[in-house]
């Protein structure tokens, strides 16, 4: 009887390991078989990269990801039209303006020959809900889709020379992925820079973003003017990447782009401008940003960041299955083997 109990005790960890691995295997086989190109968007109808003509897009030098601070944008609006600027309920504290190909000489390509050259909303229907939250239009006189249309046709079509930006769907998907991975709001909070009425030194904000956001690389920071108080407000943050999406130093800004770039129709809107030595990171006491446990819902924990490329490839690449299965299987199997080893039975 004692020997029988000992045998059961001896084999129990191995049985648990075998059952767990067996279950994981069938779960992943099921996921593999159930996977459909249409599940994550219209990839199935998109051409493989080898089929994309080389003439599309532009041979740009680097990419600039621009995030705006909606609270400042609406405070800088001149209110010549009532309620011309509104922040949708689930808009995060920093939202996407665009991902723009640029040249080192300060110019940028625009309205390139793309596939498609004209925006097609049907191609991004599967991610439209996420886009509405992360990449909102702040002006109700125009639809959110009109904003995305502008960004795709002016900038996205010029980025198609990169494989992971080679389609309309991938352009928007990849931009949101990079925005999550390099969260402006989270970086500022880690540096104890939060919205308040008192101004910050511009140097404080620059150093915070260099240290917490861009891996030591310089970013561009632009400001807006509060039409009522005349205060200078932190307005946007522009982060630069090489063609492999590694952070690089942004060049010194030579000029700024007016907010009519977003709206595209009257009333005339204020322009972003170079920031003075101190700026106000405006507090919005009526903020409607969804927060869970004190964290912005868009933040990604530091231990998840390395897995973002693996998991996103499942939804955005042409051959994602193997990477996804390895990305899921390896951590779980490692945990099971570690538990078995710690049980004292060894391997």
C-alpha atoms as a PDB file:
ATOM      1  CA  UNK A   1       0.000   0.000   0.000  1.00  0.00           C
ATOM      2  CA  UNK A   2       2.788   2.387   0.938  1.00  0.00           C
ATOM      3  CA  UNK A   3       4.661   1.437  -2.238  1.00  0.00           C
ATOM      4  CA  UNK A   4       1.528   2.084  -4.304  1.00  0.00           C
ATOM      5  CA  UNK A   5       1.103   5.541  -2.744  1.00  0.00           C
ATOM      6  CA  UNK A   6       4.782   6.311  -3.334  1.00  0.00           C
ATOM      7  CA  UNK A   7       4.431   5.272  -6.965  1.00  0.00           C
ATOM      8  CA  UNK A   8       1.433   7.583  -7.362  1.00  0.00           C
ATOM      9  CA  UNK A   9       3.314  10.431  -5.705  1.00  0.00           C
ATOM     10  CA  UNK A  10       6.316   9.810  -7.948  1.00  0.00           C
ATOM     11  CA  UNK A  11       4.355   9.809 -11.173  1.00  0.00           C
ATOM     12  CA  UNK A  12       1.956  12.627 -10.380  1.00  0.00           C
ATOM     13  CA  UNK A  13       4.193  15.537 -11.579  1.00  0.00           C
ATOM     14  CA  UNK A  14       4.993  13.701 -14.802  1.00  0.00           C
ATOM     15  CA  UNK A  15       1.334  12.972 -15.396  1.00  0.00           C
ATOM     16  CA  UNK A  16       0.492  16.636 -14.863  1.00  0.00           C
ATOM     17  CA  UNK A  17       3.248  17.625 -17.298  1.00  0.00           C
ATOM     18  CA  UNK A  18       2.077  15.136 -19.919  1.00  0.00           C
ATOM     19  CA  UNK A  19      -1.564  16.142 -19.610  1.00  0.00           C
ATOM     20  CA  UNK A  20      -0.696  19.845 -19.794  1.00  0.00           C
ATOM     21  CA  UNK A  21       1.504  19.496 -22.878  1.00  0.00           C
ATOM     22  CA  UNK A  22      -1.089  17.191 -24.495  1.00  0.00           C
ATOM     23  CA  UNK A  23      -3.823  19.784 -23.873  1.00  0.00           C
ATOM     24  CA  UNK A  24      -1.667  22.627 -25.164  1.00  0.00           C
ATOM     25  CA  UNK A  25      -0.867  20.675 -28.309  1.00  0.00           C
ATOM     26  CA  UNK A  26      -4.511  20.100 -29.186  1.00  0.00           C
ATOM     27  CA  UNK A  27      -5.461  23.665 -28.249  1.00  0.00           C
ATOM     28  CA  UNK A  28      -2.896  25.030 -30.655  1.00  0.00           C
ATOM     29  CA  UNK A  29      -3.826  22.575 -33.399  1.00  0.00           C
ATOM     30  CA  UNK A  30      -7.397  23.787 -33.000  1.00  0.00           C
ATOM     31  CA  UNK A  31      -6.288  27.425 -33.165  1.00  0.00           C
ATOM     32  CA  UNK A  32      -4.192  26.659 -36.234  1.00  0.00           C
ATOM     33  CA  UNK A  33      -7.053  24.975 -38.073  1.00  0.00           C
ATOM     34  CA  UNK A  34      -9.587  27.595 -37.023  1.00  0.00           C
ATOM     35  CA  UNK A  35      -7.420  30.464 -38.182  1.00  0.00           C
ATOM     36  CA  UNK A  36      -8.828  32.357 -41.141  1.00  0.00           C
ATOM     37  CA  UNK A  37      -7.311  35.264 -43.059  1.00  0.00           C
ATOM     38  CA  UNK A  38     -10.606  37.093 -42.716  1.00  0.00           C
ATOM     39  CA  UNK A  39     -10.558  36.844 -38.915  1.00  0.00           C
ATOM     40  CA  UNK A  40      -8.157  39.741 -38.529  1.00  0.00           C
ATOM     41  CA  UNK A  41      -9.058  41.733 -41.568  1.00  0.00           C
ATOM     42  CA  UNK A  42      -8.997  41.573 -45.329  1.00  0.00           C
ATOM     43  CA  UNK A  43      -5.521  40.072 -45.594  1.00  0.00           C
ATOM     44  CA  UNK A  44      -6.740  37.168 -47.675  1.00  0.00           C
ATOM     45  CA  UNK A  45      -7.568  39.458 -50.586  1.00  0.00           C
ATOM     46  CA  UNK A  46      -4.289  41.373 -50.385  1.00  0.00           C
ATOM     47  CA  UNK A  47      -1.320  40.619 -52.647  1.00  0.00           C
ATOM     48  CA  UNK A  48       1.808  38.993 -51.299  1.00  0.00           C
ATOM     49  CA  UNK A  49       4.748  41.368 -51.036  1.00  0.00           C
ATOM     50  CA  UNK A  50       6.444  39.753 -54.052  1.00  0.00           C
ATOM     51  CA  UNK A  51       3.396  40.688 -56.114  1.00  0.00           C
ATOM     52  CA  UNK A  52       3.461  44.361 -55.116  1.00  0.00           C
ATOM     53  CA  UNK A  53       5.062  46.486 -57.862  1.00  0.00           C
ATOM     54  CA  UNK A  54       8.304  48.106 -56.720  1.00  0.00           C
ATOM     55  CA  UNK A  55       7.184  51.491 -58.003  1.00  0.00           C
ATOM     56  CA  UNK A  56       4.578  51.949 -55.268  1.00  0.00           C
ATOM     57  CA  UNK A  57       5.304  54.028 -52.207  1.00  0.00           C
ATOM     58  CA  UNK A  58       8.396  56.158 -51.849  1.00  0.00           C
ATOM     59  CA  UNK A  59      12.048  55.603 -51.047  1.00  0.00           C
ATOM     60  CA  UNK A  60      11.835  57.704 -47.880  1.00  0.00           C
ATOM     61  CA  UNK A  61      14.533  57.958 -45.196  1.00  0.00           C
ATOM     62  CA  UNK A  62      12.625  57.644 -41.931  1.00  0.00           C
ATOM     63  CA  UNK A  63       9.154  57.563 -40.368  1.00  0.00           C
ATOM     64  CA  UNK A  64       7.657  60.062 -37.955  1.00  0.00           C
ATOM     65  CA  UNK A  65       4.885  58.957 -35.585  1.00  0.00           C
ATOM     66  CA  UNK A  66       2.928  61.960 -34.320  1.00  0.00           C
ATOM     67  CA  UNK A  67       0.663  61.856 -31.271  1.00  0.00           C
ATOM     68  CA  UNK A  68      -1.482  64.825 -30.234  1.00  0.00           C
ATOM     69  CA  UNK A  69      -2.839  65.834 -26.841  1.00  0.00           C
ATOM     70  CA  UNK A  70      -6.591  66.244 -27.525  1.00  0.00           C
ATOM     71  CA  UNK A  71      -7.187  68.375 -24.427  1.00  0.00           C
ATOM     72  CA  UNK A  72      -4.730  70.982 -25.706  1.00  0.00           C
ATOM     73  CA  UNK A  73      -6.034  70.789 -29.272  1.00  0.00           C
ATOM     74  CA  UNK A  74      -9.566  71.636 -28.213  1.00  0.00           C
ATOM     75  CA  UNK A  75      -8.413  74.377 -25.830  1.00  0.00           C
ATOM     76  CA  UNK A  76      -6.468  75.942 -28.683  1.00  0.00           C
ATOM     77  CA  UNK A  77      -9.503  75.890 -30.967  1.00  0.00           C
ATOM     78  CA  UNK A  78     -10.742  79.436 -31.550  1.00  0.00           C
ATOM     79  CA  UNK A  79     -14.407  78.512 -30.953  1.00  0.00           C
ATOM     80  CA  UNK A  80     -15.586  80.585 -33.897  1.00  0.00           C
ATOM     81  CA  UNK A  81     -17.919  77.662 -34.467  1.00  0.00           C
ATOM     82  CA  UNK A  82     -19.495  76.329 -31.227  1.00  0.00           C
ATOM     83  CA  UNK A  83     -18.475  72.785 -30.325  1.00  0.00           C
ATOM     84  CA  UNK A  84     -16.201  72.581 -33.361  1.00  0.00           C
ATOM     85  CA  UNK A  85     -13.754  70.469 -31.349  1.00  0.00           C
ATOM     86  CA  UNK A  86     -14.967  67.573 -29.223  1.00  0.00           C
ATOM     87  CA  UNK A  87     -13.102  64.738 -27.517  1.00  0.00           C
ATOM     88  CA  UNK A  88     -14.938  61.404 -27.953  1.00  0.00           C
ATOM     89  CA  UNK A  89     -15.719  59.536 -24.744  1.00  0.00           C
ATOM     90  CA  UNK A  90     -13.119  56.769 -25.035  1.00  0.00           C
ATOM     91  CA  UNK A  91     -10.297  58.848 -26.472  1.00  0.00           C
ATOM     92  CA  UNK A  92      -6.997  58.177 -24.644  1.00  0.00           C
ATOM     93  CA  UNK A  93      -5.012  61.043 -23.181  1.00  0.00           C
ATOM     94  CA  UNK A  94      -2.715  61.000 -26.236  1.00  0.00           C
ATOM     95  CA  UNK A  95      -4.157  60.015 -29.612  1.00  0.00           C
ATOM     96  CA  UNK A  96      -2.635  59.271 -33.001  1.00  0.00           C
ATOM     97  CA  UNK A  97      -2.302  61.981 -35.618  1.00  0.00           C
ATOM     98  CA  UNK A  98      -0.384  60.026 -38.214  1.00  0.00           C
ATOM     99  CA  UNK A  99       2.623  58.015 -39.357  1.00  0.00           C
ATOM    100  CA  UNK A 100       4.528  60.023 -41.944  1.00  0.00           C
ATOM    101  CA  UNK A 101       7.396  59.055 -44.271  1.00  0.00           C
ATOM    102  CA  UNK A 102      10.064  61.780 -44.373  1.00  0.00           C
ATOM    103  CA  UNK A 103      13.296  62.699 -46.114  1.00  0.00           C
ATOM    104  CA  UNK A 104      16.422  63.771 -44.254  1.00  0.00           C
ATOM    105  CA  UNK A 105      16.411  67.128 -46.025  1.00  0.00           C
ATOM    106  CA  UNK A 106      13.202  68.111 -44.227  1.00  0.00           C
ATOM    107  CA  UNK A 107      10.783  67.447 -47.080  1.00  0.00           C
ATOM    108  CA  UNK A 108       8.358  64.543 -47.324  1.00  0.00           C
ATOM    109  CA  UNK A 109       6.594  62.578 -50.065  1.00  0.00           C
ATOM    110  CA  UNK A 110       2.838  62.811 -50.385  1.00  0.00           C
ATOM    111  CA  UNK A 111      -0.035  61.326 -52.386  1.00  0.00           C
ATOM    112  CA  UNK A 112       2.068  58.525 -53.872  1.00  0.00           C
ATOM    113  CA  UNK A 113       0.959  55.755 -56.216  1.00  0.00           C
ATOM    114  CA  UNK A 114      -0.478  53.172 -53.854  1.00  0.00           C
ATOM    115  CA  UNK A 115      -2.507  49.961 -53.860  1.00  0.00           C
ATOM    116  CA  UNK A 116      -5.147  51.161 -53.439  1.00  0.00           C
ATOM    117  CA  UNK A 117      -4.325  54.797 -54.041  1.00  0.00           C
ATOM    118  CA  UNK A 118      -7.769  55.833 -52.842  1.00  0.00           C
ATOM    119  CA  UNK A 119      -8.910  55.007 -49.325  1.00  0.00           C
ATOM    120  CA  UNK A 120     -11.262  52.029 -48.995  1.00  0.00           C
ATOM    121  CA  UNK A 121     -13.010  51.844 -45.620  1.00  0.00           C
ATOM    122  CA  UNK A 122     -13.982  48.203 -46.166  1.00  0.00           C
ATOM    123  CA  UNK A 123     -10.340  47.146 -45.902  1.00  0.00           C
ATOM    124  CA  UNK A 124     -10.107  48.264 -42.268  1.00  0.00           C
ATOM    125  CA  UNK A 125     -13.567  47.300 -41.008  1.00  0.00           C
ATOM    126  CA  UNK A 126     -12.122  44.648 -38.677  1.00  0.00           C
ATOM    127  CA  UNK A 127     -10.022  47.251 -36.800  1.00  0.00           C
ATOM    128  CA  UNK A 128     -12.385  50.207 -37.117  1.00  0.00           C
ATOM    129  CA  UNK A 129     -13.451  50.042 -33.466  1.00  0.00           C
ATOM    130  CA  UNK A 130      -9.836  50.264 -32.299  1.00  0.00           C
ATOM    131  CA  UNK A 131      -9.105  53.034 -34.784  1.00  0.00           C
ATOM    132  CA  UNK A 132     -12.068  55.051 -33.531  1.00  0.00           C
ATOM    133  CA  UNK A 133     -10.594  55.036 -30.016  1.00  0.00           C
ATOM    134  CA  UNK A 134      -6.890  55.372 -30.758  1.00  0.00           C
ATOM    135  CA  UNK A 135      -7.029  57.515 -33.914  1.00  0.00           C
ATOM    136  CA  UNK A 136     -10.144  59.674 -33.452  1.00  0.00           C
ATOM    137  CA  UNK A 137     -11.318  62.706 -35.366  1.00  0.00           C
ATOM    138  CA  UNK A 138     -11.826  65.544 -32.868  1.00  0.00           C
ATOM    139  CA  UNK A 139     -14.085  67.522 -35.175  1.00  0.00           C
ATOM    140  CA  UNK A 140     -17.691  66.269 -35.405  1.00  0.00           C
ATOM    141  CA  UNK A 141     -18.281  68.238 -38.602  1.00  0.00           C
ATOM    142  CA  UNK A 142     -16.140  65.579 -40.284  1.00  0.00           C
ATOM    143  CA  UNK A 143     -16.315  61.795 -39.936  1.00  0.00           C
ATOM    144  CA  UNK A 144     -13.506  59.742 -38.434  1.00  0.00           C
ATOM    145  CA  UNK A 145     -13.220  57.968 -41.766  1.00  0.00           C
ATOM    146  CA  UNK A 146     -12.470  61.262 -43.522  1.00  0.00           C
ATOM    147  CA  UNK A 147      -9.463  61.715 -41.225  1.00  0.00           C
ATOM    148  CA  UNK A 148      -8.182  58.205 -41.929  1.00  0.00           C
ATOM    149  CA  UNK A 149      -8.777  58.751 -45.653  1.00  0.00           C
ATOM    150  CA  UNK A 150      -6.583  61.837 -45.586  1.00  0.00           C
ATOM    151  CA  UNK A 151      -3.798  60.121 -43.654  1.00  0.00           C
ATOM    152  CA  UNK A 152      -3.778  57.089 -45.936  1.00  0.00           C
ATOM    153  CA  UNK A 153      -3.908  58.947 -49.238  1.00  0.00           C
ATOM    154  CA  UNK A 154      -1.366  61.612 -48.289  1.00  0.00           C
ATOM    155  CA  UNK A 155       1.058  59.577 -46.163  1.00  0.00           C
ATOM    156  CA  UNK A 156       0.161  55.886 -46.113  1.00  0.00           C
ATOM    157  CA  UNK A 157       0.469  55.488 -49.878  1.00  0.00           C
ATOM    158  CA  UNK A 158       4.059  56.739 -49.612  1.00  0.00           C
ATOM    159  CA  UNK A 159       5.014  54.129 -46.990  1.00  0.00           C
ATOM    160  CA  UNK A 160       4.150  51.027 -49.021  1.00  0.00           C
ATOM    161  CA  UNK A 161       7.752  50.263 -49.922  1.00  0.00           C
ATOM    162  CA  UNK A 162       7.971  48.669 -46.446  1.00  0.00           C
ATOM    163  CA  UNK A 163       6.508  45.171 -46.197  1.00  0.00           C
ATOM    164  CA  UNK A 164       4.736  45.795 -42.888  1.00  0.00           C
ATOM    165  CA  UNK A 165       3.158  48.986 -44.298  1.00  0.00           C
ATOM    166  CA  UNK A 166       2.477  47.610 -47.764  1.00  0.00           C
ATOM    167  CA  UNK A 167      -1.327  47.744 -47.601  1.00  0.00           C
ATOM    168  CA  UNK A 168      -3.935  50.095 -46.231  1.00  0.00           C
ATOM    169  CA  UNK A 169      -4.833  47.597 -43.523  1.00  0.00           C
ATOM    170  CA  UNK A 170      -1.221  47.076 -42.471  1.00  0.00           C
ATOM    171  CA  UNK A 171      -0.519  50.818 -42.421  1.00  0.00           C
ATOM    172  CA  UNK A 172      -3.219  51.460 -39.820  1.00  0.00           C
ATOM    173  CA  UNK A 173      -2.575  48.245 -37.890  1.00  0.00           C
ATOM    174  CA  UNK A 174       1.178  48.818 -37.613  1.00  0.00           C
ATOM    175  CA  UNK A 175       0.706  52.451 -36.585  1.00  0.00           C
ATOM    176  CA  UNK A 176      -1.556  51.424 -33.711  1.00  0.00           C
ATOM    177  CA  UNK A 177       0.890  48.697 -32.697  1.00  0.00           C
ATOM    178  CA  UNK A 178       3.795  51.158 -32.507  1.00  0.00           C
ATOM    179  CA  UNK A 179       1.622  53.672 -30.653  1.00  0.00           C
ATOM    180  CA  UNK A 180       0.882  51.061 -27.989  1.00  0.00           C
ATOM    181  CA  UNK A 181       4.487  50.000 -27.731  1.00  0.00           C
ATOM    182  CA  UNK A 182       5.708  53.594 -27.333  1.00  0.00           C
ATOM    183  CA  UNK A 183       2.988  55.224 -25.219  1.00  0.00           C
ATOM    184  CA  UNK A 184       3.561  58.964 -24.694  1.00  0.00           C
ATOM    185  CA  UNK A 185       1.212  59.212 -21.718  1.00  0.00           C
ATOM    186  CA  UNK A 186       2.761  56.228 -19.951  1.00  0.00           C
ATOM    187  CA  UNK A 187       6.290  57.538 -20.548  1.00  0.00           C
ATOM    188  CA  UNK A 188       5.453  60.917 -19.025  1.00  0.00           C
ATOM    189  CA  UNK A 189       3.792  59.314 -16.009  1.00  0.00           C
ATOM    190  CA  UNK A 190       6.828  57.129 -15.374  1.00  0.00           C
ATOM    191  CA  UNK A 191       8.848  60.341 -15.197  1.00  0.00           C
ATOM    192  CA  UNK A 192       6.304  61.860 -12.766  1.00  0.00           C
ATOM    193  CA  UNK A 193       5.129  64.358 -15.381  1.00  0.00           C
ATOM    194  CA  UNK A 194       1.359  64.575 -15.188  1.00  0.00           C
ATOM    195  CA  UNK A 195      -1.188  67.183 -16.287  1.00  0.00           C
ATOM    196  CA  UNK A 196      -1.347  70.191 -13.949  1.00  0.00           C
ATOM    197  CA  UNK A 197      -1.930  73.940 -13.999  1.00  0.00           C
ATOM    198  CA  UNK A 198       1.690  74.873 -13.232  1.00  0.00           C
ATOM    199  CA  UNK A 199       4.114  74.852 -16.174  1.00  0.00           C
ATOM    200  CA  UNK A 200       6.964  72.397 -16.655  1.00  0.00           C
ATOM    201  CA  UNK A 201      10.368  73.261 -18.006  1.00  0.00           C
ATOM    202  CA  UNK A 202      10.527  72.104 -21.600  1.00  0.00           C
ATOM    203  CA  UNK A 203      13.846  70.458 -20.801  1.00  0.00           C
ATOM    204  CA  UNK A 204      12.130  68.285 -18.167  1.00  0.00           C
ATOM    205  CA  UNK A 205       9.670  66.982 -20.726  1.00  0.00           C
ATOM    206  CA  UNK A 206      12.363  66.424 -23.335  1.00  0.00           C
ATOM    207  CA  UNK A 207      14.522  64.435 -20.930  1.00  0.00           C
ATOM    208  CA  UNK A 208      11.538  62.419 -19.710  1.00  0.00           C
ATOM    209  CA  UNK A 209      10.603  61.403 -23.237  1.00  0.00           C
ATOM    210  CA  UNK A 210      14.199  60.614 -24.169  1.00  0.00           C
ATOM    211  CA  UNK A 211      14.627  58.391 -21.131  1.00  0.00           C
ATOM    212  CA  UNK A 212      11.199  56.774 -20.918  1.00  0.00           C
ATOM    213  CA  UNK A 213       9.942  56.725 -24.510  1.00  0.00           C
ATOM    214  CA  UNK A 214      12.527  56.866 -27.273  1.00  0.00           C
ATOM    215  CA  UNK A 215      15.515  54.883 -25.953  1.00  0.00           C
ATOM    216  CA  UNK A 216      17.650  57.988 -25.529  1.00  0.00           C
ATOM    217  CA  UNK A 217      16.787  59.484 -28.919  1.00  0.00           C
ATOM    218  CA  UNK A 218      15.561  63.034 -29.429  1.00  0.00           C
ATOM    219  CA  UNK A 219      11.884  63.628 -30.151  1.00  0.00           C
ATOM    220  CA  UNK A 220      10.128  66.688 -31.533  1.00  0.00           C
ATOM    221  CA  UNK A 221       7.766  68.533 -29.205  1.00  0.00           C
ATOM    222  CA  UNK A 222       5.332  71.176 -30.441  1.00  0.00           C
ATOM    223  CA  UNK A 223       2.993  73.507 -28.610  1.00  0.00           C
ATOM    224  CA  UNK A 224      -0.335  75.289 -28.982  1.00  0.00           C
ATOM    225  CA  UNK A 225      -1.730  78.508 -27.538  1.00  0.00           C
ATOM    226  CA  UNK A 226      -4.770  78.449 -25.268  1.00  0.00           C
ATOM    227  CA  UNK A 227      -7.115  80.975 -26.881  1.00  0.00           C
ATOM    228  CA  UNK A 228      -8.609  81.957 -23.539  1.00  0.00           C
ATOM    229  CA  UNK A 229      -5.649  82.100 -21.165  1.00  0.00           C
ATOM    230  CA  UNK A 230      -2.893  82.647 -23.768  1.00  0.00           C
ATOM    231  CA  UNK A 231      -0.861  79.937 -22.048  1.00  0.00           C
ATOM    232  CA  UNK A 232       1.481  77.825 -24.144  1.00  0.00           C
ATOM    233  CA  UNK A 233       0.267  74.225 -24.060  1.00  0.00           C
ATOM    234  CA  UNK A 234       2.052  70.958 -24.754  1.00  0.00           C
ATOM    235  CA  UNK A 235       0.420  69.977 -28.047  1.00  0.00           C
ATOM    236  CA  UNK A 236       2.091  67.075 -29.800  1.00  0.00           C
ATOM    237  CA  UNK A 237       5.020  64.673 -29.598  1.00  0.00           C
ATOM    238  CA  UNK A 238       6.725  63.356 -32.718  1.00  0.00           C
ATOM    239  CA  UNK A 239       8.912  60.260 -32.506  1.00  0.00           C
ATOM    240  CA  UNK A 240      11.149  59.108 -35.353  1.00  0.00           C
ATOM    241  CA  UNK A 241      11.972  55.587 -36.538  1.00  0.00           C
ATOM    242  CA  UNK A 242      14.217  54.055 -39.143  1.00  0.00           C
ATOM    243  CA  UNK A 243      12.782  51.736 -41.767  1.00  0.00           C
ATOM    244  CA  UNK A 244      13.027  48.825 -39.307  1.00  0.00           C
ATOM    245  CA  UNK A 245      11.017  50.729 -36.682  1.00  0.00           C
ATOM    246  CA  UNK A 246      13.973  51.324 -34.399  1.00  0.00           C
ATOM    247  CA  UNK A 247      13.913  54.733 -32.633  1.00  0.00           C
ATOM    248  CA  UNK A 248      16.262  57.339 -34.098  1.00  0.00           C
ATOM    249  CA  UNK A 249      16.932  61.005 -33.368  1.00  0.00           C
ATOM    250  CA  UNK A 250      14.342  63.313 -34.880  1.00  0.00           C
ATOM    251  CA  UNK A 251      15.820  66.244 -36.792  1.00  0.00           C
ATOM    252  CA  UNK A 252      15.353  69.741 -35.445  1.00  0.00           C
ATOM    253  CA  UNK A 253      11.915  70.967 -36.496  1.00  0.00           C
ATOM    254  CA  UNK A 254      12.142  73.646 -39.182  1.00  0.00           C
ATOM    255  CA  UNK A 255       8.444  74.376 -39.327  1.00  0.00           C
ATOM    256  CA  UNK A 256       5.145  73.164 -37.945  1.00  0.00           C
ATOM    257  CA  UNK A 257       1.964  71.946 -39.559  1.00  0.00           C
ATOM    258  CA  UNK A 258      -1.355  73.697 -38.930  1.00  0.00           C
ATOM    259  CA  UNK A 259      -4.292  71.888 -37.454  1.00  0.00           C
ATOM    260  CA  UNK A 260      -6.242  72.483 -40.652  1.00  0.00           C
ATOM    261  CA  UNK A 261      -4.289  69.382 -41.631  1.00  0.00           C
ATOM    262  CA  UNK A 262      -6.704  67.480 -39.391  1.00  0.00           C
ATOM    263  CA  UNK A 263      -9.912  69.332 -40.076  1.00  0.00           C
ATOM    264  CA  UNK A 264      -9.516  70.429 -43.663  1.00  0.00           C
ATOM    265  CA  UNK A 265     -12.221  73.101 -43.624  1.00  0.00           C
ATOM    266  CA  UNK A 266     -13.079  76.409 -41.854  1.00  0.00           C
ATOM    267  CA  UNK A 267     -13.030  77.720 -39.184  1.00  0.00           C
ATOM    268  CA  UNK A 268      -9.329  78.573 -39.296  1.00  0.00           C
ATOM    269  CA  UNK A 269      -7.533  76.640 -36.600  1.00  0.00           C
ATOM    270  CA  UNK A 270      -4.381  77.410 -34.637  1.00  0.00           C
ATOM    271  CA  UNK A 271      -1.007  76.100 -35.713  1.00  0.00           C
ATOM    272  CA  UNK A 272       1.476  74.037 -33.788  1.00  0.00           C
ATOM    273  CA  UNK A 273       4.542  76.073 -32.950  1.00  0.00           C
ATOM    274  CA  UNK A 274       7.954  75.688 -31.386  1.00  0.00           C
ATOM    275  CA  UNK A 275       7.740  75.484 -27.604  1.00  0.00           C
ATOM    276  CA  UNK A 276       9.258  78.104 -25.277  1.00  0.00           C
ATOM    277  CA  UNK A 277      11.378  77.187 -22.256  1.00  0.00           C
ATOM    278  CA  UNK A 278       8.310  76.350 -20.142  1.00  0.00           C
ATOM    279  CA  UNK A 279       4.968  74.838 -21.150  1.00  0.00           C
ATOM    280  CA  UNK A 280       1.727  73.754 -19.513  1.00  0.00           C
ATOM    281  CA  UNK A 281       0.715  70.103 -19.670  1.00  0.00           C
ATOM    282  CA  UNK A 282      -2.930  71.013 -19.342  1.00  0.00           C
ATOM    283  CA  UNK A 283      -5.088  69.138 -16.860  1.00  0.00           C
ATOM    284  CA  UNK A 284      -8.521  68.076 -18.057  1.00  0.00           C
ATOM    285  CA  UNK A 285     -10.729  67.686 -14.995  1.00  0.00           C
ATOM    286  CA  UNK A 286     -13.520  66.306 -17.160  1.00  0.00           C
ATOM    287  CA  UNK A 287     -11.342  63.644 -18.752  1.00  0.00           C
ATOM    288  CA  UNK A 288     -13.313  60.678 -20.008  1.00  0.00           C
ATOM    289  CA  UNK A 289     -10.357  58.412 -20.596  1.00  0.00           C
ATOM    290  CA  UNK A 290     -11.140  54.872 -19.490  1.00  0.00           C
ATOM    291  CA  UNK A 291      -8.790  53.813 -16.704  1.00  0.00           C
ATOM    292  CA  UNK A 292      -8.522  50.453 -15.009  1.00  0.00           C
ATOM    293  CA  UNK A 293      -6.729  50.129 -11.664  1.00  0.00           C
ATOM    294  CA  UNK A 294      -5.246  53.572 -12.135  1.00  0.00           C
ATOM    295  CA  UNK A 295      -3.686  52.763 -15.523  1.00  0.00           C
ATOM    296  CA  UNK A 296      -4.529  54.072 -18.943  1.00  0.00           C
ATOM    297  CA  UNK A 297      -6.312  51.314 -20.830  1.00  0.00           C
ATOM    298  CA  UNK A 298      -3.843  51.576 -23.707  1.00  0.00           C
ATOM    299  CA  UNK A 299      -0.733  50.958 -21.630  1.00  0.00           C
ATOM    300  CA  UNK A 300       1.202  47.746 -22.204  1.00  0.00           C
ATOM    301  CA  UNK A 301       3.143  46.220 -19.336  1.00  0.00           C
ATOM    302  CA  UNK A 302       6.894  46.125 -19.812  1.00  0.00           C
ATOM    303  CA  UNK A 303       6.983  42.331 -19.955  1.00  0.00           C
ATOM    304  CA  UNK A 304       4.410  42.233 -22.736  1.00  0.00           C
ATOM    305  CA  UNK A 305       6.267  44.651 -25.034  1.00  0.00           C
ATOM    306  CA  UNK A 306       8.767  42.055 -26.352  1.00  0.00           C
ATOM    307  CA  UNK A 307       5.866  39.808 -27.402  1.00  0.00           C
ATOM    308  CA  UNK A 308       4.024  42.510 -29.355  1.00  0.00           C
ATOM    309  CA  UNK A 309       5.788  41.776 -32.672  1.00  0.00           C
ATOM    310  CA  UNK A 310       5.086  38.034 -32.317  1.00  0.00           C
ATOM    311  CA  UNK A 311       1.408  38.364 -31.510  1.00  0.00           C
ATOM    312  CA  UNK A 312       0.786  41.207 -33.945  1.00  0.00           C
ATOM    313  CA  UNK A 313       2.295  39.134 -36.741  1.00  0.00           C
ATOM    314  CA  UNK A 314      -0.544  36.662 -36.227  1.00  0.00           C
ATOM    315  CA  UNK A 315      -2.966  39.387 -37.254  1.00  0.00           C
ATOM    316  CA  UNK A 316      -0.920  41.318 -39.774  1.00  0.00           C
ATOM    317  CA  UNK A 317       1.522  39.135 -41.675  1.00  0.00           C
ATOM    318  CA  UNK A 318       0.977  36.742 -44.528  1.00  0.00           C
ATOM    319  CA  UNK A 319       2.534  33.738 -42.741  1.00  0.00           C
ATOM    320  CA  UNK A 320       1.853  34.269 -39.047  1.00  0.00           C
ATOM    321  CA  UNK A 321       0.893  30.828 -37.805  1.00  0.00           C
ATOM    322  CA  UNK A 322       4.272  29.379 -36.886  1.00  0.00           C
ATOM    323  CA  UNK A 323       5.441  32.521 -35.063  1.00  0.00           C
ATOM    324  CA  UNK A 324       2.179  32.722 -33.167  1.00  0.00           C
ATOM    325  CA  UNK A 325       2.199  29.075 -32.093  1.00  0.00           C
ATOM    326  CA  UNK A 326       5.794  29.306 -30.919  1.00  0.00           C
ATOM    327  CA  UNK A 327       5.035  32.584 -29.161  1.00  0.00           C
ATOM    328  CA  UNK A 328       2.233  30.945 -27.186  1.00  0.00           C
ATOM    329  CA  UNK A 329       3.716  27.481 -26.674  1.00  0.00           C
ATOM    330  CA  UNK A 330       7.233  28.284 -25.506  1.00  0.00           C
ATOM    331  CA  UNK A 331       6.259  30.354 -22.420  1.00  0.00           C
ATOM    332  CA  UNK A 332       3.678  27.780 -21.273  1.00  0.00           C
ATOM    333  CA  UNK A 333       5.924  24.774 -21.768  1.00  0.00           C
ATOM    334  CA  UNK A 334       8.755  26.578 -19.965  1.00  0.00           C
ATOM    335  CA  UNK A 335       6.478  27.245 -16.989  1.00  0.00           C
ATOM    336  CA  UNK A 336       5.321  23.618 -16.846  1.00  0.00           C
ATOM    337  CA  UNK A 337       8.890  22.289 -16.952  1.00  0.00           C
ATOM    338  CA  UNK A 338       9.976  24.769 -14.292  1.00  0.00           C
ATOM    339  CA  UNK A 339       7.166  23.637 -11.956  1.00  0.00           C
ATOM    340  CA  UNK A 340       8.089  20.008 -12.566  1.00  0.00           C
ATOM    341  CA  UNK A 341      11.753  20.715 -11.796  1.00  0.00           C
ATOM    342  CA  UNK A 342      10.870  22.589  -8.601  1.00  0.00           C
ATOM    343  CA  UNK A 343       8.810  19.615  -7.475  1.00  0.00           C
ATOM    344  CA  UNK A 344      12.127  17.911  -6.721  1.00  0.00           C
ATOM    345  CA  UNK A 345      11.889  15.146  -9.308  1.00  0.00           C
ATOM    346  CA  UNK A 346      14.357  16.616 -11.767  1.00  0.00           C
ATOM    347  CA  UNK A 347      14.189  15.792 -15.441  1.00  0.00           C
END
